[in-house]
Amino acid sequence: MLTGTVTSEEESWRSAQFASSAQGARHARHHAVRRMEEWGFPAASDASCTVALVVAELAANAVRHGRVPGHTFGLRLGLDITAGLVRVEVADAATTRKPPAAAPLSFPDGESGRGLLLVDALALWWGCVSRHPVGKTVWAEVPVTACRQ
């Protein structure tokens, strides 16, 4: 779990809201890459690509399974330099649809269902918490021990 801090809350966390659509999920991924660059991780670095993939999967799930008409989804990114982690949080308004406690098994021929398997493979930890007054936040903590600029 995130334990260390950066010099200020403003520098260590960044939040944004996106339309609950495929375009919104794409914008969330681009936002994550830009934030990683601001933190010193080039767009083509392993750390940035890994965070972008985790954001893409969680945002796609928020759009596909957590969409509530008239509501956006939120993305929050936090850097913990001490622990070498980036925490990704994707919040949506759907209270009743929660991800399984563990990554689901996927059939090799299936066209979907692998997103949480990827998140499970790339993140040290991931989970889901209820959000008040409505919705949930799915989070993942991604190691970013690669060299920064």
Protein backbone atom coordinates (compact mmCIF):
# COMPACT_ATOMS: atom_id res chain seq x y z
CA MET A 1 0.00 0.00 0.00
CA LEU A 2 1.14 3.58 -0.50
CA THR A 3 3.29 4.57 2.45
CA GLY A 4 5.66 7.39 1.50
CA THR A 5 4.90 10.85 0.23
CA VAL A 6 6.25 13.30 -2.26
CA THR A 7 6.93 16.90 -1.27
CA SER A 8 3.25 17.88 -1.30
CA GLU A 9 -0.20 16.39 -1.79
CA GLU A 10 -0.62 18.43 -4.96
CA GLU A 11 2.54 16.96 -6.50
CA SER A 12 1.84 13.34 -5.54
CA TRP A 13 -1.82 13.03 -6.63
CA ARG A 14 -3.67 14.01 -9.77
CA SER A 15 -7.41 13.53 -10.38
CA ALA A 16 -9.59 13.97 -13.45
CA GLN A 17 -13.10 13.12 -14.65
CA PHE A 18 -13.86 11.55 -18.03
CA ALA A 19 -16.94 10.77 -20.09
CA SER A 20 -18.17 7.24 -19.54
CA SER A 21 -17.38 6.23 -23.13
CA ALA A 22 -14.64 4.58 -25.16
CA GLN A 23 -13.29 8.05 -25.96
CA GLY A 24 -13.27 8.90 -22.24
CA ALA A 25 -11.28 5.73 -21.49
CA ARG A 26 -8.78 6.68 -24.19
CA HIS A 27 -8.45 10.19 -22.74
CA ALA A 28 -7.84 8.68 -19.27
CA ARG A 29 -4.98 6.59 -20.65
CA HIS A 30 -3.42 9.63 -22.35
CA HIS A 31 -3.83 11.62 -19.11
CA ALA A 32 -1.94 8.89 -17.23
CA VAL A 33 0.94 8.94 -19.74
CA ARG A 34 1.21 12.73 -19.47
CA ARG A 35 1.23 12.55 -15.67
CA MET A 36 3.92 9.86 -15.74
CA GLU A 37 6.02 12.15 -17.96
CA GLU A 38 5.56 14.99 -15.44
CA TRP A 39 6.86 12.61 -12.76
CA GLY A 40 9.94 11.84 -14.88
CA PHE A 41 8.90 8.57 -16.55
CA PRO A 42 9.17 8.89 -20.36
CA ALA A 43 6.12 7.80 -22.36
CA ALA A 44 7.99 4.82 -23.83
CA SER A 45 9.36 3.64 -20.45
CA ASP A 46 8.25 0.34 -18.95
CA ALA A 47 6.77 2.17 -15.96
CA SER A 48 4.67 4.53 -18.09
CA CYS A 49 3.50 1.76 -20.43
CA THR A 50 2.52 -0.45 -17.48
CA VAL A 51 0.56 2.33 -15.76
CA ALA A 52 -1.10 3.22 -19.09
CA LEU A 53 -2.17 -0.40 -19.59
CA VAL A 54 -3.59 -0.67 -16.07
CA VAL A 55 -5.46 2.63 -16.52
CA ALA A 56 -6.78 1.45 -19.90
CA GLU A 57 -8.12 -1.81 -18.46
CA LEU A 58 -9.71 -0.25 -15.38
CA ALA A 59 -11.20 2.62 -17.41
CA ALA A 60 -12.59 0.18 -20.00
CA ASN A 61 -14.21 -1.80 -17.18
CA ALA A 62 -15.67 1.40 -15.70
CA VAL A 63 -17.16 2.28 -19.08
CA ARG A 64 -18.39 -1.21 -19.91
CA HIS A 65 -19.55 -2.47 -16.51
CA GLY A 66 -19.81 0.61 -14.30
CA ARG A 67 -21.50 3.11 -16.58
CA VAL A 68 -24.50 4.91 -15.13
CA PRO A 69 -26.24 7.28 -17.58
CA GLY A 70 -25.43 10.89 -16.83
CA HIS A 71 -22.34 10.07 -14.74
CA THR A 72 -18.66 10.29 -15.57
CA PHE A 73 -15.87 8.12 -14.21
CA GLY A 74 -12.93 9.42 -12.24
CA LEU A 75 -9.23 8.67 -12.46
CA ARG A 76 -6.86 9.40 -9.61
CA LEU A 77 -3.11 8.74 -9.83
CA GLY A 78 -0.68 8.89 -6.94
CA LEU A 79 3.10 8.52 -6.87
CA ASP A 80 4.91 7.10 -3.86
CA ILE A 81 8.62 7.55 -4.57
CA THR A 82 9.66 5.81 -1.33
CA ALA A 83 7.72 2.63 -2.11
CA GLY A 84 8.34 2.84 -5.87
CA LEU A 85 4.62 2.66 -6.65
CA VAL A 86 1.98 4.44 -8.64
CA ARG A 87 -1.53 3.98 -7.31
CA VAL A 88 -4.25 3.99 -9.96
CA GLU A 89 -7.83 4.56 -8.81
CA VAL A 90 -10.80 4.44 -11.20
CA ALA A 91 -14.15 5.40 -9.70
CA ASP A 92 -17.57 4.91 -11.28
CA ALA A 93 -21.16 5.37 -10.15
CA ALA A 94 -22.29 1.74 -10.35
CA THR A 95 -22.79 0.35 -6.87
CA THR A 96 -24.17 -3.08 -7.75
CA ARG A 97 -21.51 -4.20 -10.27
CA LYS A 98 -18.26 -4.98 -8.49
CA PRO A 99 -15.26 -6.87 -9.83
CA PRO A 100 -14.53 -10.32 -8.43
CA ALA A 101 -12.21 -10.57 -5.42
CA ALA A 102 -9.60 -12.29 -7.60
CA ALA A 103 -8.89 -12.07 -11.31
CA PRO A 104 -11.36 -14.30 -13.14
CA LEU A 105 -10.29 -17.28 -15.18
CA SER A 106 -10.63 -16.63 -18.89
CA PHE A 107 -11.13 -19.11 -21.67
CA PRO A 108 -8.38 -18.92 -24.31
CA ASP A 109 -10.90 -18.41 -27.13
CA GLY A 110 -12.89 -15.68 -25.37
CA GLU A 111 -12.93 -12.19 -26.87
CA SER A 112 -13.04 -10.45 -23.50
CA GLY A 113 -12.49 -11.10 -19.82
CA ARG A 114 -8.74 -10.68 -19.67
CA GLY A 115 -8.55 -7.11 -18.33
CA LEU A 116 -8.39 -8.03 -14.66
CA LEU A 117 -5.96 -10.85 -15.46
CA LEU A 118 -3.63 -8.20 -16.92
CA VAL A 119 -4.14 -5.91 -13.93
CA ASP A 120 -3.47 -8.83 -11.58
CA ALA A 121 -0.25 -9.67 -13.45
CA LEU A 122 1.05 -6.08 -13.60
CA ALA A 123 0.04 -4.70 -10.20
CA LEU A 124 1.44 -5.68 -6.82
CA TRP A 125 -2.05 -5.36 -5.33
CA TRP A 126 -5.48 -4.42 -6.59
CA GLY A 127 -8.96 -4.30 -5.16
CA CYS A 128 -12.27 -2.53 -4.95
CA VAL A 129 -13.82 -0.30 -2.29
CA SER A 130 -17.25 1.26 -2.00
CA ARG A 131 -17.50 4.96 -2.66
CA HIS A 132 -19.93 7.16 -0.81
CA PRO A 133 -22.60 8.21 -1.47
CA VAL A 134 -22.68 6.00 -4.58
CA GLY A 135 -20.40 3.83 -6.65
CA LYS A 136 -17.08 2.11 -6.22
CA THR A 137 -13.38 2.66 -6.75
CA VAL A 138 -11.23 -0.05 -8.29
CA TRP A 139 -7.57 0.50 -7.47
CA ALA A 140 -4.21 -1.01 -8.36
CA GLU A 141 -0.69 -0.34 -7.14
CA VAL A 142 1.91 -0.61 -9.89
CA PRO A 143 5.66 -0.87 -9.23
CA VAL A 144 7.68 1.82 -10.98
CA THR A 145 11.22 1.04 -9.91
CA ALA A 146 12.64 1.71 -13.38
CA CYS A 147 14.96 4.68 -13.86
CA ARG A 148 13.40 8.11 -13.99
CA GLN A 149 14.76 10.94 -16.16
